[in-house]
């Protein structure tokens, strides 16, 4: 079996502004995503799968326009209005075994980002009136590489109890 998919998106991200901290702004992004995958049955119980993909993601509102303290992390987050689209190319493969309701899957993946958007700590601090001093974190795009392996298994222990391992 061979599968494929394509998607084109238009994303508008608006900011009404924040007083004297930042101006109202509108950013538009066009994203393109595509994937092709295959499944090959080795036997009635064993199969191989593989996928190639290209993914693009528009920056979110807070990645572009954040400008304040994040209560959960206790840091001062700064968005970057000049962020570009996050882009990646990926490859993954799996070998699968299935017998009745029991299964085992082993997979590997590799994704290369030409622009991964993440929140990075800085060496700077931002003084907040009346609240103290907070470490500054900024959203930025960097080259990144994600790779790894995955293992998942399922087996029925009784008629009503299934064990899942991931």
N, C-alpha and C. Protein backbone atom coordinates (compact mmCIF):
# COMPACT_ATOMS: atom_id res chain seq x y z
N UNK A 1 0.84 -1.17 0.00
CA UNK A 1 0.00 0.00 0.00
C UNK A 1 0.88 1.24 0.00
N UNK A 2 0.45 2.25 -0.71
CA UNK A 2 1.13 3.54 -0.74
C UNK A 2 0.10 4.61 -0.41
N UNK A 3 0.48 5.53 0.46
CA UNK A 3 -0.40 6.65 0.81
C UNK A 3 0.37 7.95 0.62
N UNK A 4 -0.37 9.02 0.36
CA UNK A 4 0.27 10.32 0.26
C UNK A 4 -0.74 11.39 0.63
N UNK A 5 -0.24 12.54 0.99
CA UNK A 5 -1.10 13.66 1.33
C UNK A 5 -0.39 14.97 1.10
N UNK A 6 -1.17 15.98 0.74
CA UNK A 6 -0.68 17.33 0.54
C UNK A 6 -1.62 18.29 1.26
N UNK A 7 -1.08 19.37 1.80
CA UNK A 7 -1.93 20.38 2.44
C UNK A 7 -1.27 21.74 2.27
N UNK A 8 -2.08 22.72 1.91
CA UNK A 8 -1.63 24.11 1.81
C UNK A 8 -2.46 24.92 2.80
N UNK A 9 -1.81 25.80 3.55
CA UNK A 9 -2.54 26.58 4.54
C UNK A 9 -2.22 28.06 4.46
N UNK A 10 -3.20 28.87 4.84
CA UNK A 10 -3.04 30.32 4.97
C UNK A 10 -3.31 30.65 6.43
N UNK A 11 -2.36 31.30 7.10
CA UNK A 11 -2.47 31.58 8.53
C UNK A 11 -2.27 33.07 8.77
N UNK A 12 -3.23 33.70 9.41
CA UNK A 12 -3.14 35.11 9.79
C UNK A 12 -3.05 35.18 11.30
N UNK A 13 -2.03 35.87 11.79
CA UNK A 13 -1.82 36.01 13.23
C UNK A 13 -1.85 37.50 13.55
N UNK A 14 -2.84 37.91 14.34
CA UNK A 14 -3.06 39.32 14.64
C UNK A 14 -2.72 39.65 16.09
N UNK A 15 -2.27 40.88 16.30
CA UNK A 15 -2.07 41.41 17.64
C UNK A 15 -2.73 42.78 17.71
N UNK A 16 -3.48 43.01 18.75
CA UNK A 16 -4.13 44.32 18.93
C UNK A 16 -3.19 45.32 19.59
N UNK A 17 -2.00 44.86 19.95
CA UNK A 17 -1.03 45.75 20.59
C UNK A 17 -1.12 45.65 22.09
N UNK A 18 -0.17 46.26 22.75
CA UNK A 18 -0.12 46.19 24.21
C UNK A 18 0.35 47.48 24.82
N UNK A 19 -0.36 48.56 24.57
CA UNK A 19 0.02 49.84 25.15
C UNK A 19 1.35 50.30 24.61
N UNK A 20 2.27 50.66 25.52
CA UNK A 20 3.57 51.17 25.08
C UNK A 20 4.59 50.06 24.84
N UNK A 21 4.23 48.80 25.10
CA UNK A 21 5.19 47.70 24.96
C UNK A 21 5.35 47.23 23.52
N UNK A 22 4.24 47.11 22.76
CA UNK A 22 4.35 46.72 21.36
C UNK A 22 3.13 47.19 20.59
N UNK A 23 3.35 47.37 19.28
CA UNK A 23 2.32 47.91 18.40
C UNK A 23 1.39 46.82 17.89
N UNK A 24 0.23 47.24 17.43
CA UNK A 24 -0.68 46.32 16.76
C UNK A 24 0.01 45.81 15.49
N UNK A 25 -0.21 44.54 15.15
CA UNK A 25 0.45 43.95 13.99
C UNK A 25 -0.38 42.82 13.41
N UNK A 26 -0.14 42.55 12.15
CA UNK A 26 -0.77 41.42 11.47
C UNK A 26 0.31 40.74 10.65
N UNK A 27 0.43 39.43 10.82
CA UNK A 27 1.38 38.64 10.04
C UNK A 27 0.60 37.56 9.30
N UNK A 28 0.99 37.31 8.05
CA UNK A 28 0.36 36.25 7.24
C UNK A 28 1.43 35.26 6.82
N UNK A 29 1.08 33.99 6.86
CA UNK A 29 2.00 32.92 6.49
C UNK A 29 1.28 31.93 5.59
N UNK A 30 1.99 31.40 4.60
CA UNK A 30 1.48 30.31 3.76
C UNK A 30 2.35 29.09 4.01
N UNK A 31 1.70 27.98 4.36
CA UNK A 31 2.45 26.75 4.67
C UNK A 31 2.09 25.66 3.68
N UNK A 32 3.06 24.79 3.42
CA UNK A 32 2.87 23.64 2.53
C UNK A 32 3.40 22.41 3.25
N UNK A 33 2.59 21.35 3.24
CA UNK A 33 2.97 20.10 3.88
C UNK A 33 2.71 18.95 2.91
N UNK A 34 3.56 17.96 2.97
CA UNK A 34 3.37 16.79 2.14
C UNK A 34 3.99 15.56 2.76
N UNK A 35 3.42 14.42 2.45
CA UNK A 35 3.95 13.15 2.98
C UNK A 35 3.64 12.03 2.00
N UNK A 36 4.53 11.06 1.98
CA UNK A 36 4.30 9.83 1.24
C UNK A 36 4.73 8.68 2.14
N UNK A 37 3.92 7.65 2.17
CA UNK A 37 4.20 6.51 3.03
C UNK A 37 3.89 5.21 2.35
N UNK A 38 4.44 4.16 2.91
CA UNK A 38 4.21 2.84 2.34
C UNK A 38 4.09 1.78 3.43
N UNK A 39 3.32 0.75 3.12
CA UNK A 39 3.15 -0.41 4.00
C UNK A 39 3.38 -1.64 3.15
N UNK A 40 4.26 -2.51 3.61
CA UNK A 40 4.56 -3.75 2.90
C UNK A 40 4.36 -4.91 3.86
N UNK A 41 3.47 -5.84 3.51
CA UNK A 41 3.21 -7.03 4.33
C UNK A 41 4.24 -8.11 4.01
N UNK A 42 5.02 -8.47 5.01
CA UNK A 42 5.99 -9.54 4.86
C UNK A 42 5.32 -10.91 4.98
N UNK A 43 4.31 -10.98 5.85
CA UNK A 43 3.53 -12.19 6.07
C UNK A 43 2.20 -11.76 6.67
N UNK A 44 1.39 -12.70 7.10
CA UNK A 44 0.10 -12.35 7.71
C UNK A 44 0.27 -11.66 9.06
N UNK A 45 1.45 -11.82 9.69
CA UNK A 45 1.68 -11.21 11.00
C UNK A 45 2.71 -10.08 11.00
N UNK A 46 3.58 -10.02 10.02
CA UNK A 46 4.67 -9.06 10.00
C UNK A 46 4.51 -8.06 8.85
N UNK A 47 4.84 -6.78 9.13
CA UNK A 47 4.80 -5.76 8.08
C UNK A 47 5.86 -4.70 8.33
N UNK A 48 6.22 -4.00 7.26
CA UNK A 48 7.15 -2.88 7.31
C UNK A 48 6.41 -1.62 6.86
N UNK A 49 6.68 -0.49 7.50
CA UNK A 49 6.12 0.79 7.08
C UNK A 49 7.23 1.82 6.99
N UNK A 50 7.02 2.81 6.16
CA UNK A 50 7.97 3.91 6.05
C UNK A 50 7.26 5.16 5.57
N UNK A 51 7.75 6.32 5.99
CA UNK A 51 7.16 7.60 5.62
C UNK A 51 8.25 8.63 5.38
N UNK A 52 8.03 9.47 4.38
CA UNK A 52 8.84 10.66 4.13
C UNK A 52 7.89 11.85 4.25
N UNK A 53 8.34 12.93 4.90
CA UNK A 53 7.44 14.07 5.05
C UNK A 53 8.18 15.39 4.99
N UNK A 54 7.46 16.41 4.55
CA UNK A 54 7.92 17.80 4.63
C UNK A 54 6.82 18.55 5.37
N UNK A 55 7.18 19.25 6.45
CA UNK A 55 6.19 19.94 7.26
C UNK A 55 6.58 21.40 7.46
N UNK A 56 5.57 22.25 7.44
CA UNK A 56 5.75 23.67 7.72
C UNK A 56 4.69 24.09 8.72
N UNK A 57 5.09 24.97 9.66
CA UNK A 57 4.17 25.46 10.69
C UNK A 57 4.38 26.95 10.86
N UNK A 58 3.28 27.70 10.84
CA UNK A 58 3.35 29.14 11.07
C UNK A 58 3.62 29.39 12.56
N UNK A 59 4.38 30.44 12.88
CA UNK A 59 4.58 30.78 14.29
C UNK A 59 3.23 31.11 14.94
N UNK A 60 3.10 30.78 16.21
CA UNK A 60 1.86 31.05 16.93
C UNK A 60 1.86 32.50 17.44
N UNK A 61 0.72 32.92 17.93
CA UNK A 61 0.54 34.26 18.47
C UNK A 61 1.60 34.59 19.53
N UNK A 62 1.77 33.70 20.50
CA UNK A 62 2.70 34.00 21.59
C UNK A 62 4.16 33.93 21.15
N UNK A 63 4.48 33.09 20.14
CA UNK A 63 5.85 33.04 19.65
C UNK A 63 6.23 34.36 18.96
N UNK A 64 5.24 35.01 18.36
CA UNK A 64 5.47 36.29 17.69
C UNK A 64 5.39 37.49 18.64
N UNK A 65 4.39 37.48 19.54
CA UNK A 65 4.04 38.70 20.25
C UNK A 65 4.15 38.65 21.77
N UNK A 66 4.58 37.55 22.35
CA UNK A 66 4.69 37.49 23.82
C UNK A 66 5.55 38.64 24.32
N UNK A 67 5.16 39.21 25.45
CA UNK A 67 5.93 40.29 26.03
C UNK A 67 5.52 40.47 27.48
N UNK A 68 5.87 39.49 28.31
CA UNK A 68 5.53 39.58 29.71
C UNK A 68 5.89 38.33 30.48
N UNK A 69 5.54 38.35 31.75
CA UNK A 69 5.87 37.26 32.66
C UNK A 69 4.92 36.08 32.41
N UNK A 70 5.49 34.89 32.31
CA UNK A 70 4.71 33.66 32.21
C UNK A 70 4.62 33.09 33.62
N UNK A 71 3.41 33.04 34.15
CA UNK A 71 3.22 32.66 35.56
C UNK A 71 3.75 31.26 35.87
N UNK A 72 3.58 30.30 34.95
CA UNK A 72 3.97 28.92 35.22
C UNK A 72 5.49 28.75 35.26
N UNK A 73 6.21 29.44 34.38
CA UNK A 73 7.66 29.26 34.32
C UNK A 73 8.43 30.29 35.13
N UNK A 74 7.76 31.38 35.49
CA UNK A 74 8.43 32.43 36.25
C UNK A 74 9.49 33.17 35.45
N UNK A 75 9.34 33.19 34.12
CA UNK A 75 10.28 33.90 33.26
C UNK A 75 9.54 34.99 32.49
N UNK A 76 10.30 35.94 31.99
CA UNK A 76 9.76 37.00 31.16
C UNK A 76 9.94 36.54 29.71
N UNK A 77 8.83 36.24 29.01
CA UNK A 77 8.91 35.73 27.65
C UNK A 77 8.76 36.84 26.64
N UNK A 78 9.65 36.81 25.63
CA UNK A 78 9.61 37.79 24.56
C UNK A 78 9.42 37.08 23.23
N UNK A 79 8.37 37.46 22.53
CA UNK A 79 8.16 36.96 21.18
C UNK A 79 9.06 37.69 20.20
N UNK A 80 9.15 37.16 19.01
CA UNK A 80 9.95 37.79 17.96
C UNK A 80 9.08 37.93 16.72
N UNK A 81 8.66 39.15 16.41
CA UNK A 81 7.73 39.40 15.31
C UNK A 81 8.32 39.06 13.95
N UNK A 82 9.63 38.87 13.86
CA UNK A 82 10.26 38.56 12.57
C UNK A 82 10.48 37.06 12.36
N UNK A 83 9.87 36.20 13.18
CA UNK A 83 10.05 34.76 13.01
C UNK A 83 9.55 34.29 11.65
N UNK A 84 10.25 33.33 11.08
CA UNK A 84 9.87 32.71 9.81
C UNK A 84 9.13 31.41 10.10
N UNK A 85 8.59 30.81 9.07
CA UNK A 85 7.87 29.53 9.18
C UNK A 85 8.83 28.44 9.67
N UNK A 86 8.34 27.60 10.59
CA UNK A 86 9.08 26.43 11.03
C UNK A 86 9.01 25.39 9.92
N UNK A 87 10.17 24.84 9.52
CA UNK A 87 10.21 23.87 8.42
C UNK A 87 11.01 22.64 8.82
N UNK A 88 10.51 21.47 8.40
CA UNK A 88 11.24 20.23 8.69
C UNK A 88 11.03 19.20 7.59
N UNK A 89 11.97 18.28 7.51
CA UNK A 89 11.88 17.11 6.64
C UNK A 89 12.12 15.89 7.52
N UNK A 90 11.27 14.89 7.36
CA UNK A 90 11.38 13.73 8.24
C UNK A 90 11.31 12.40 7.50
N UNK A 91 11.86 11.40 8.17
CA UNK A 91 11.87 10.02 7.69
C UNK A 91 11.60 9.13 8.88
N UNK A 92 10.69 8.18 8.73
CA UNK A 92 10.48 7.21 9.81
C UNK A 92 10.16 5.85 9.22
N UNK A 93 10.43 4.82 10.00
CA UNK A 93 10.15 3.46 9.58
C UNK A 93 9.80 2.60 10.78
N UNK A 94 9.02 1.55 10.52
CA UNK A 94 8.59 0.65 11.58
C UNK A 94 8.56 -0.79 11.07
N UNK A 95 8.78 -1.71 12.00
CA UNK A 95 8.48 -3.11 11.75
C UNK A 95 7.41 -3.48 12.76
N UNK A 96 6.36 -4.15 12.27
CA UNK A 96 5.20 -4.45 13.10
C UNK A 96 4.88 -5.94 13.07
N UNK A 97 4.47 -6.43 14.25
CA UNK A 97 3.98 -7.80 14.38
C UNK A 97 2.60 -7.72 15.01
N UNK A 98 1.65 -8.49 14.48
CA UNK A 98 0.30 -8.51 15.02
C UNK A 98 -0.26 -9.92 14.91
N UNK A 99 -0.82 -10.39 16.03
CA UNK A 99 -1.46 -11.69 16.08
C UNK A 99 -2.70 -11.55 16.95
N UNK A 100 -3.87 -11.58 16.35
CA UNK A 100 -5.10 -11.36 17.11
C UNK A 100 -5.11 -9.96 17.70
N UNK A 101 -5.28 -9.88 19.03
CA UNK A 101 -5.28 -8.58 19.70
C UNK A 101 -3.90 -8.21 20.25
N UNK A 102 -2.91 -9.06 20.05
CA UNK A 102 -1.54 -8.79 20.52
C UNK A 102 -0.74 -8.15 19.39
N UNK A 103 0.12 -7.20 19.76
CA UNK A 103 0.94 -6.54 18.74
C UNK A 103 2.24 -6.01 19.36
N UNK A 104 3.22 -5.81 18.49
CA UNK A 104 4.50 -5.24 18.86
C UNK A 104 4.98 -4.40 17.69
N UNK A 105 5.39 -3.17 17.97
CA UNK A 105 5.88 -2.26 16.94
C UNK A 105 7.20 -1.65 17.39
N UNK A 106 8.20 -1.72 16.51
CA UNK A 106 9.48 -1.06 16.75
C UNK A 106 9.69 -0.07 15.62
N UNK A 107 9.98 1.19 15.98
CA UNK A 107 10.15 2.22 14.96
C UNK A 107 11.34 3.12 15.23
N UNK A 108 11.79 3.76 14.16
CA UNK A 108 12.86 4.75 14.25
C UNK A 108 12.43 5.98 13.46
N UNK A 109 12.88 7.16 13.92
CA UNK A 109 12.54 8.39 13.20
C UNK A 109 13.72 9.35 13.19
N UNK A 110 13.73 10.21 12.18
CA UNK A 110 14.74 11.25 12.04
C UNK A 110 14.06 12.45 11.41
N UNK A 111 14.15 13.61 12.06
CA UNK A 111 13.56 14.84 11.54
C UNK A 111 14.60 15.94 11.61
N UNK A 112 14.81 16.62 10.48
CA UNK A 112 15.76 17.71 10.38
C UNK A 112 14.99 19.01 10.18
N UNK A 113 15.17 19.95 11.10
CA UNK A 113 14.51 21.25 11.04
C UNK A 113 15.48 22.29 10.50
N UNK A 114 15.07 23.04 9.49
CA UNK A 114 15.88 24.17 9.04
C UNK A 114 15.55 25.40 9.86
N UNK A 115 14.39 25.39 10.54
CA UNK A 115 13.99 26.52 11.40
C UNK A 115 13.03 26.01 12.46
N UNK A 116 13.57 25.50 13.56
CA UNK A 116 12.75 25.03 14.67
C UNK A 116 12.50 26.19 15.63
N UNK A 117 11.23 26.48 15.92
CA UNK A 117 10.90 27.59 16.80
C UNK A 117 10.81 27.08 18.24
N UNK A 118 11.62 27.68 19.09
CA UNK A 118 11.63 27.26 20.49
C UNK A 118 11.87 28.45 21.40
N UNK A 119 11.64 28.25 22.67
CA UNK A 119 11.85 29.27 23.69
C UNK A 119 13.23 29.04 24.31
N UNK A 120 14.11 30.03 24.19
CA UNK A 120 15.48 29.90 24.66
C UNK A 120 15.77 30.91 25.76
N UNK A 121 16.44 30.45 26.80
CA UNK A 121 16.85 31.33 27.89
C UNK A 121 17.95 32.27 27.40
N UNK A 122 17.99 33.45 28.00
CA UNK A 122 19.06 34.40 27.72
C UNK A 122 19.81 34.68 29.02
N UNK A 123 20.90 35.41 28.91
CA UNK A 123 21.67 35.79 30.10
C UNK A 123 21.17 37.10 30.68
N UNK A 124 20.13 37.66 30.07
CA UNK A 124 19.61 38.96 30.50
C UNK A 124 18.47 38.79 31.49
N UNK A 125 18.26 39.82 32.31
CA UNK A 125 17.12 39.86 33.22
C UNK A 125 16.31 41.11 32.93
N UNK A 126 15.03 41.05 33.17
CA UNK A 126 14.12 42.17 32.94
C UNK A 126 13.51 42.57 34.28
N UNK A 127 13.72 43.78 34.70
CA UNK A 127 13.14 44.27 35.95
C UNK A 127 11.67 44.62 35.71
N UNK A 128 10.78 44.10 36.54
CA UNK A 128 9.35 44.39 36.46
C UNK A 128 8.98 45.22 37.67
N UNK A 129 8.38 46.36 37.45
CA UNK A 129 8.02 47.25 38.56
C UNK A 129 7.11 46.53 39.56
N UNK A 130 7.51 46.50 40.80
CA UNK A 130 6.70 45.94 41.87
C UNK A 130 6.68 44.42 41.93
N UNK A 131 7.17 43.73 40.90
CA UNK A 131 7.11 42.27 40.88
C UNK A 131 8.46 41.61 41.07
N UNK A 132 9.54 42.35 41.02
CA UNK A 132 10.85 41.75 41.14
C UNK A 132 11.55 41.68 39.80
N UNK A 133 12.52 40.76 39.69
CA UNK A 133 13.32 40.60 38.48
C UNK A 133 13.12 39.20 37.93
N UNK A 134 12.95 39.10 36.62
CA UNK A 134 12.69 37.82 35.95
C UNK A 134 13.73 37.58 34.87
N UNK A 135 14.12 36.33 34.71
CA UNK A 135 15.02 35.93 33.62
C UNK A 135 14.26 36.04 32.30
N UNK A 136 14.93 36.54 31.26
CA UNK A 136 14.29 36.72 29.95
C UNK A 136 14.49 35.46 29.11
N UNK A 137 13.41 35.00 28.50
CA UNK A 137 13.45 33.93 27.51
C UNK A 137 12.87 34.47 26.22
N UNK A 138 13.50 34.13 25.09
CA UNK A 138 13.04 34.63 23.79
C UNK A 138 12.74 33.48 22.85
N UNK A 139 11.66 33.65 22.06
CA UNK A 139 11.36 32.69 21.01
C UNK A 139 12.29 32.96 19.84
N UNK A 140 12.86 31.90 19.27
CA UNK A 140 13.75 32.05 18.12
C UNK A 140 13.72 30.80 17.28
N UNK A 141 14.18 30.93 16.04
CA UNK A 141 14.26 29.81 15.13
C UNK A 141 15.69 29.34 14.99
N UNK A 142 15.91 28.04 15.13
CA UNK A 142 17.26 27.47 15.03
C UNK A 142 17.21 26.18 14.21
N UNK A 143 18.37 25.74 13.75
CA UNK A 143 18.46 24.43 13.11
C UNK A 143 18.40 23.38 14.22
N UNK A 144 17.68 22.30 13.97
CA UNK A 144 17.55 21.26 14.99
C UNK A 144 17.41 19.90 14.32
N UNK A 145 17.74 18.87 15.08
CA UNK A 145 17.67 17.49 14.61
C UNK A 145 17.01 16.66 15.71
N UNK A 146 15.93 15.98 15.36
CA UNK A 146 15.26 15.07 16.29
C UNK A 146 15.44 13.66 15.73
N UNK A 147 15.83 12.73 16.60
CA UNK A 147 15.96 11.34 16.18
C UNK A 147 15.70 10.45 17.37
N UNK A 148 15.22 9.26 17.08
CA UNK A 148 14.96 8.37 18.18
C UNK A 148 14.35 7.06 17.74
N UNK A 149 14.06 6.24 18.73
CA UNK A 149 13.43 4.95 18.52
C UNK A 149 12.19 4.87 19.40
N UNK A 150 11.25 4.06 18.98
CA UNK A 150 10.01 3.85 19.72
C UNK A 150 9.70 2.37 19.76
N UNK A 151 9.13 1.93 20.86
CA UNK A 151 8.71 0.55 21.01
C UNK A 151 7.34 0.56 21.67
N UNK A 152 6.41 -0.17 21.10
CA UNK A 152 5.07 -0.25 21.65
C UNK A 152 4.59 -1.69 21.56
N UNK A 153 4.01 -2.18 22.64
CA UNK A 153 3.47 -3.53 22.67
C UNK A 153 2.12 -3.57 23.36
N UNK A 154 1.27 -4.47 22.90
CA UNK A 154 -0.05 -4.67 23.51
C UNK A 154 -0.31 -6.17 23.59
N UNK A 155 -0.83 -6.59 24.73
CA UNK A 155 -1.22 -7.99 24.88
C UNK A 155 -2.41 -8.08 25.81
N UNK A 156 -3.27 -9.04 25.56
CA UNK A 156 -4.44 -9.27 26.41
C UNK A 156 -4.03 -10.18 27.56
N UNK A 157 -4.20 -9.68 28.80
CA UNK A 157 -3.90 -10.48 29.99
C UNK A 157 -5.09 -11.36 30.36
N UNK A 158 -6.29 -10.81 30.20
CA UNK A 158 -7.53 -11.55 30.41
C UNK A 158 -8.50 -11.07 29.33
N UNK A 159 -9.73 -11.58 29.35
CA UNK A 159 -10.72 -11.14 28.37
C UNK A 159 -11.03 -9.65 28.49
N UNK A 160 -10.84 -9.07 29.68
CA UNK A 160 -11.19 -7.68 29.92
C UNK A 160 -10.02 -6.78 30.32
N UNK A 161 -8.79 -7.29 30.26
CA UNK A 161 -7.64 -6.51 30.70
C UNK A 161 -6.51 -6.61 29.67
N UNK A 162 -6.13 -5.44 29.14
CA UNK A 162 -5.06 -5.36 28.17
C UNK A 162 -3.86 -4.65 28.76
N UNK A 163 -2.66 -5.16 28.53
CA UNK A 163 -1.43 -4.52 28.96
C UNK A 163 -0.85 -3.77 27.76
N UNK A 164 -0.59 -2.46 27.94
CA UNK A 164 0.02 -1.61 26.92
C UNK A 164 1.37 -1.14 27.43
N UNK A 165 2.38 -1.30 26.61
CA UNK A 165 3.73 -0.81 26.94
C UNK A 165 4.18 0.13 25.84
N UNK A 166 4.61 1.33 26.25
CA UNK A 166 5.11 2.31 25.28
C UNK A 166 6.43 2.84 25.73
